[in-house]
N, C-alpha and C. Protein backbone atom coordinates (compact mmCIF):
# COMPACT_ATOMS: atom_id res chain seq x y z
N MET A 1 95.70 127.46 84.53
CA MET A 1 94.72 127.09 83.53
C MET A 1 93.83 126.01 84.14
N SER A 2 92.58 126.03 83.76
CA SER A 2 91.61 125.07 84.26
C SER A 2 90.77 124.54 83.10
N LYS A 3 90.48 123.26 83.13
CA LYS A 3 89.62 122.65 82.11
C LYS A 3 88.59 121.79 82.82
N THR A 4 87.38 121.80 82.31
CA THR A 4 86.31 120.98 82.84
C THR A 4 85.75 120.12 81.71
N PHE A 5 85.60 118.84 82.00
CA PHE A 5 85.00 117.91 81.05
C PHE A 5 83.80 117.26 81.72
N THR A 6 82.75 117.06 80.97
CA THR A 6 81.55 116.43 81.51
C THR A 6 81.27 115.13 80.76
N ARG A 7 80.34 114.37 81.27
CA ARG A 7 79.96 113.11 80.59
C ARG A 7 79.40 113.37 79.20
N VAL A 8 78.88 114.58 78.98
CA VAL A 8 78.40 114.93 77.65
C VAL A 8 79.56 114.92 76.66
N GLN A 9 80.76 115.26 77.16
CA GLN A 9 81.98 115.25 76.35
C GLN A 9 82.77 113.99 76.67
N ASN A 10 82.12 112.84 76.67
CA ASN A 10 82.72 111.61 77.16
C ASN A 10 84.06 111.30 76.51
N GLU A 11 84.18 111.52 75.21
CA GLU A 11 85.45 111.22 74.52
C GLU A 11 86.59 112.06 75.10
N LYS A 12 86.34 113.35 75.35
CA LYS A 12 87.36 114.23 75.94
C LYS A 12 87.63 113.85 77.39
N LEU A 13 86.59 113.45 78.11
CA LEU A 13 86.74 113.05 79.51
C LEU A 13 87.62 111.81 79.62
N VAL A 14 87.38 110.82 78.78
CA VAL A 14 88.18 109.60 78.79
C VAL A 14 89.62 109.90 78.37
N ALA A 15 89.79 110.75 77.39
CA ALA A 15 91.15 111.13 76.95
C ALA A 15 91.89 111.84 78.07
N ALA A 16 91.21 112.72 78.79
CA ALA A 16 91.84 113.42 79.91
C ALA A 16 92.25 112.43 81.00
N GLN A 17 91.40 111.45 81.28
CA GLN A 17 91.71 110.43 82.28
C GLN A 17 92.95 109.65 81.87
N LYS A 18 93.03 109.24 80.63
CA LYS A 18 94.19 108.49 80.15
C LYS A 18 95.45 109.33 80.19
N ASP A 19 95.35 110.60 79.83
CA ASP A 19 96.51 111.50 79.91
C ASP A 19 97.00 111.63 81.34
N MET A 20 96.08 111.81 82.28
CA MET A 20 96.45 112.00 83.68
C MET A 20 97.09 110.74 84.24
N THR A 21 96.47 109.59 84.07
CA THR A 21 97.03 108.37 84.63
C THR A 21 98.35 108.00 83.95
N GLY A 22 98.46 108.26 82.66
CA GLY A 22 99.71 107.99 81.95
C GLY A 22 100.84 108.86 82.46
N SER A 23 100.57 110.13 82.66
CA SER A 23 101.59 111.05 83.14
C SER A 23 102.03 110.70 84.55
N ILE A 24 101.08 110.40 85.43
CA ILE A 24 101.41 110.03 86.81
C ILE A 24 102.24 108.76 86.83
N THR A 25 101.82 107.76 86.09
CA THR A 25 102.55 106.49 86.03
C THR A 25 103.96 106.69 85.51
N GLU A 26 104.12 107.49 84.48
CA GLU A 26 105.44 107.75 83.89
C GLU A 26 106.37 108.41 84.91
N GLN A 27 105.86 109.39 85.64
CA GLN A 27 106.69 110.09 86.62
C GLN A 27 107.06 109.19 87.80
N ILE A 28 106.12 108.40 88.28
CA ILE A 28 106.41 107.48 89.39
C ILE A 28 107.41 106.42 88.95
N ASP A 29 107.24 105.87 87.76
CA ASP A 29 108.18 104.89 87.24
C ASP A 29 109.60 105.46 87.17
N ALA A 30 109.74 106.70 86.74
CA ALA A 30 111.06 107.34 86.65
C ALA A 30 111.67 107.51 88.04
N LEU A 31 110.86 107.88 89.03
CA LEU A 31 111.38 108.02 90.39
C LEU A 31 111.86 106.67 90.93
N TYR A 32 111.08 105.62 90.73
CA TYR A 32 111.49 104.29 91.19
C TYR A 32 112.76 103.82 90.48
N LYS A 33 112.86 104.09 89.20
CA LYS A 33 114.03 103.66 88.42
C LYS A 33 115.31 104.27 88.96
N ASN A 34 115.25 105.52 89.41
CA ASN A 34 116.44 106.22 89.87
C ASN A 34 116.68 106.15 91.37
N ALA A 35 115.76 105.54 92.11
CA ALA A 35 115.88 105.52 93.57
C ALA A 35 116.67 104.31 94.05
N PHE A 36 117.43 104.52 95.13
CA PHE A 36 118.07 103.38 95.77
C PHE A 36 117.34 103.03 97.07
N ALA A 37 116.47 103.92 97.54
CA ALA A 37 115.64 103.64 98.72
C ALA A 37 114.34 104.43 98.59
N VAL A 38 113.27 103.82 99.08
CA VAL A 38 111.95 104.45 99.06
C VAL A 38 111.32 104.27 100.44
N THR A 39 110.86 105.35 101.02
CA THR A 39 110.19 105.31 102.32
C THR A 39 108.76 105.80 102.13
N MET A 40 107.80 105.02 102.67
CA MET A 40 106.39 105.38 102.54
C MET A 40 105.75 105.44 103.91
N SER A 41 104.88 106.41 104.11
CA SER A 41 104.14 106.50 105.37
C SER A 41 102.80 107.19 105.14
N THR A 42 101.83 106.76 105.92
CA THR A 42 100.52 107.39 105.89
C THR A 42 100.25 107.96 107.28
N ALA A 43 99.83 109.21 107.30
CA ALA A 43 99.43 109.86 108.54
C ALA A 43 98.13 110.60 108.25
N GLY A 44 97.10 110.23 108.95
CA GLY A 44 95.81 110.86 108.71
C GLY A 44 95.31 110.58 107.31
N ASP A 45 95.05 111.63 106.57
CA ASP A 45 94.49 111.46 105.22
C ASP A 45 95.53 111.65 104.12
N ARG A 46 96.84 111.62 104.49
CA ARG A 46 97.89 111.87 103.50
C ARG A 46 98.97 110.79 103.55
N THR A 47 99.37 110.33 102.38
CA THR A 47 100.47 109.38 102.24
C THR A 47 101.64 110.09 101.58
N VAL A 48 102.82 109.91 102.17
CA VAL A 48 104.04 110.50 101.63
C VAL A 48 104.94 109.37 101.14
N VAL A 49 105.46 109.52 99.94
CA VAL A 49 106.43 108.58 99.39
C VAL A 49 107.69 109.37 99.12
N ASN A 50 108.77 109.01 99.82
CA ASN A 50 110.04 109.71 99.70
C ASN A 50 111.05 108.82 98.97
N PHE A 51 111.59 109.33 97.88
CA PHE A 51 112.58 108.60 97.09
C PHE A 51 113.95 109.19 97.37
N GLN A 52 114.89 108.35 97.75
CA GLN A 52 116.27 108.79 97.92
C GLN A 52 117.02 108.41 96.66
N ILE A 53 117.56 109.43 96.01
CA ILE A 53 118.21 109.25 94.72
C ILE A 53 119.67 109.65 94.87
N GLN A 54 120.57 108.75 94.47
CA GLN A 54 122.00 109.05 94.54
C GLN A 54 122.47 109.54 93.18
N ASP A 55 123.02 110.74 93.17
CA ASP A 55 123.53 111.33 91.94
C ASP A 55 124.91 110.76 91.61
N GLU A 56 125.39 111.02 90.41
CA GLU A 56 126.68 110.49 89.96
C GLU A 56 127.83 110.93 90.85
N ASP A 57 127.73 112.09 91.47
CA ASP A 57 128.80 112.56 92.34
C ASP A 57 128.71 111.97 93.75
N GLY A 58 127.75 111.08 93.97
CA GLY A 58 127.59 110.42 95.27
C GLY A 58 126.66 111.12 96.23
N SER A 59 126.24 112.33 95.88
CA SER A 59 125.33 113.07 96.76
C SER A 59 123.93 112.44 96.71
N ILE A 60 123.23 112.63 97.81
CA ILE A 60 121.87 112.08 97.93
C ILE A 60 120.88 113.23 97.87
N ARG A 61 119.85 113.04 97.08
CA ARG A 61 118.76 114.02 97.08
C ARG A 61 117.45 113.29 97.30
N ASN A 62 116.54 113.98 97.92
CA ASN A 62 115.24 113.41 98.21
C ASN A 62 114.18 114.03 97.32
N ARG A 63 113.32 113.19 96.81
CA ARG A 63 112.16 113.64 96.05
C ARG A 63 110.95 113.02 96.72
N SER A 64 109.96 113.81 97.03
CA SER A 64 108.77 113.30 97.70
C SER A 64 107.54 113.57 96.86
N ILE A 65 106.61 112.62 96.92
CA ILE A 65 105.30 112.82 96.32
C ILE A 65 104.26 112.53 97.39
N TYR A 66 103.14 113.17 97.27
CA TYR A 66 102.08 113.07 98.26
C TYR A 66 100.79 112.62 97.59
N PHE A 67 100.08 111.74 98.29
CA PHE A 67 98.80 111.25 97.80
C PHE A 67 97.75 111.37 98.89
N SER A 68 96.54 111.47 98.49
CA SER A 68 95.46 111.29 99.44
C SER A 68 95.52 109.84 99.89
N ALA A 69 95.30 109.58 101.17
CA ALA A 69 95.31 108.21 101.67
C ALA A 69 94.20 107.38 101.04
N VAL A 70 93.22 108.03 100.45
CA VAL A 70 92.17 107.31 99.72
C VAL A 70 92.77 106.62 98.50
N LEU A 71 93.78 107.24 97.88
CA LEU A 71 94.42 106.67 96.70
C LEU A 71 95.45 105.61 97.07
N PHE A 72 96.18 105.84 98.16
CA PHE A 72 97.24 104.92 98.55
C PHE A 72 97.47 105.03 100.05
N ASP A 73 97.33 103.93 100.75
CA ASP A 73 97.42 103.92 102.20
C ASP A 73 98.45 102.86 102.61
N VAL A 74 99.47 103.27 103.35
CA VAL A 74 100.49 102.35 103.83
C VAL A 74 99.99 101.73 105.13
N LYS A 75 99.84 100.43 105.14
CA LYS A 75 99.33 99.71 106.31
C LYS A 75 100.47 99.23 107.18
N GLU A 76 100.23 99.15 108.46
CA GLU A 76 101.20 98.58 109.41
C GLU A 76 101.29 97.09 109.16
N ASP A 77 102.50 96.52 109.27
CA ASP A 77 102.67 95.07 109.13
C ASP A 77 102.34 94.37 110.41
């Protein structure tokens, strides 16, 4: 499904922006809450954030999210 909003529909455009940022923030917060380690790296135009999550049985699972480096860039210390 695809939706397009224009400045003519400013109220819908702003609502879509709030929905998107709210959803992204909620998902990232949940990953951080459940992670015991987080590894971040930027290569070229892509940033990878890998969350290591330990389940109740002690097993480790990895969840990764990817961003454009324009949105988030990991700098060398």
